[in-house]
């Protein structure tokens, strides 16, 4: 599925309300997460990694001290798909449970 699919725009709109951003070409979802400590950031990344493996969809991400930057896209489709939306929702859930 691609961003043109009927349910994706609605799902993406909800993600945008929750702090995700969409690049101009609508190929990437991105969000920055901040934590109290470096260890908290690492725990978050580990939890997301297990969910990403389960979903067979992996984020492009980076960590710098107490922050994690995440970008989601489906490289094979050269854009956003339902896999990106599903992982973004999981990531938000992991973050909210950790707070």
Protein backbone atom coordinates (compact mmCIF):
# COMPACT_ATOMS: atom_id res chain seq x y z
CA UNK A 1 0.00 0.00 0.00
CA UNK A 2 1.10 3.55 -0.58
CA UNK A 3 0.17 6.95 0.80
CA UNK A 4 -2.48 7.24 -1.90
CA UNK A 5 -4.45 4.41 -0.28
CA UNK A 6 -7.66 5.63 1.31
CA UNK A 7 -6.91 4.92 4.98
CA UNK A 8 -3.33 6.19 5.03
CA UNK A 9 -4.04 9.93 4.83
CA UNK A 10 -6.32 9.72 7.87
CA UNK A 11 -3.79 7.68 9.84
CA UNK A 12 -0.96 10.02 8.85
CA UNK A 13 -3.03 13.05 9.88
CA UNK A 14 -3.40 11.53 13.36
CA UNK A 15 0.37 10.93 13.53
CA UNK A 16 0.99 14.55 12.56
CA UNK A 17 -1.23 15.64 15.45
CA UNK A 18 0.95 13.47 17.72
CA UNK A 19 4.17 15.23 16.73
CA UNK A 20 5.32 13.32 13.65
CA UNK A 21 6.29 15.36 10.60
CA UNK A 22 6.01 14.55 6.91
CA UNK A 23 8.60 15.62 4.37
CA UNK A 24 7.54 17.67 1.32
CA UNK A 25 7.59 14.66 -1.02
CA UNK A 26 5.53 12.62 1.48
CA UNK A 27 8.18 9.89 1.56
CA UNK A 28 9.22 10.07 5.23
CA UNK A 29 7.62 10.32 8.62
CA UNK A 30 9.97 11.78 11.23
CA UNK A 31 9.91 12.46 14.95
CA UNK A 32 12.43 13.39 17.64
CA UNK A 33 12.16 11.91 21.12
CA UNK A 34 13.81 13.30 24.27
CA UNK A 35 14.60 11.40 27.45
CA UNK A 36 15.78 12.17 30.97
CA UNK A 37 18.93 10.09 30.61
CA UNK A 38 21.06 8.32 28.03
CA UNK A 39 19.99 4.99 29.55
CA UNK A 40 16.32 5.88 29.05
CA UNK A 41 17.02 6.58 25.38
CA UNK A 42 18.76 3.23 25.01
CA UNK A 43 15.91 1.35 26.71
CA UNK A 44 13.47 3.03 24.32
CA UNK A 45 15.53 2.02 21.29
CA UNK A 46 15.78 -1.56 22.52
CA UNK A 47 12.02 -1.80 23.04
CA UNK A 48 11.32 -0.34 19.62
CA UNK A 49 13.87 -2.72 18.06
CA UNK A 50 11.96 -5.77 19.33
CA UNK A 51 8.68 -4.41 17.95
CA UNK A 52 10.32 -3.49 14.65
CA UNK A 53 11.60 -7.06 14.31
CA UNK A 54 8.12 -8.41 15.05
CA UNK A 55 6.64 -6.12 12.38
CA UNK A 56 9.52 -6.84 9.97
CA UNK A 57 9.91 -3.11 9.40
CA UNK A 58 12.89 -1.16 10.68
CA UNK A 59 13.37 2.56 11.36
CA UNK A 60 16.16 4.79 10.20
CA UNK A 61 17.27 6.30 13.47
CA UNK A 62 20.06 7.93 15.39
CA UNK A 63 20.85 8.57 19.02
CA UNK A 64 22.72 11.46 20.54
CA UNK A 65 22.96 11.37 24.33
CA UNK A 66 19.35 11.81 25.56
CA UNK A 67 17.62 12.09 22.18
CA UNK A 68 16.51 9.69 19.48
CA UNK A 69 15.65 10.83 15.96
CA UNK A 70 13.49 8.47 13.91
CA UNK A 71 12.60 8.48 10.23
CA UNK A 72 10.23 5.95 8.70
CA UNK A 73 9.79 5.01 5.05
CA UNK A 74 9.37 1.88 3.00
CA UNK A 75 12.50 1.88 0.87
CA UNK A 76 11.22 -0.76 -1.56
CA UNK A 77 8.14 1.39 -2.31
CA UNK A 78 10.13 4.65 -2.21
CA UNK A 79 7.58 6.17 0.10
CA UNK A 80 5.15 5.67 2.94
CA UNK A 81 3.06 2.56 3.40
CA UNK A 82 0.86 1.05 6.06
CA UNK A 83 4.02 -0.51 7.56
CA UNK A 84 5.36 2.96 8.38
CA UNK A 85 2.10 4.02 9.98
CA UNK A 86 1.90 0.81 12.02
CA UNK A 87 5.46 1.20 13.29
CA UNK A 88 4.93 4.90 14.11
CA UNK A 89 1.91 3.97 16.24
CA UNK A 90 3.92 1.29 18.02
CA UNK A 91 6.79 3.74 18.61
CA UNK A 92 4.40 6.30 20.13
CA UNK A 93 2.97 3.58 22.39
CA UNK A 94 6.43 2.51 23.55
CA UNK A 95 7.32 6.13 24.29
CA UNK A 96 4.12 6.79 26.24
CA UNK A 97 4.56 3.61 28.30
CA UNK A 98 8.12 4.57 29.19
CA UNK A 99 7.30 8.05 30.45
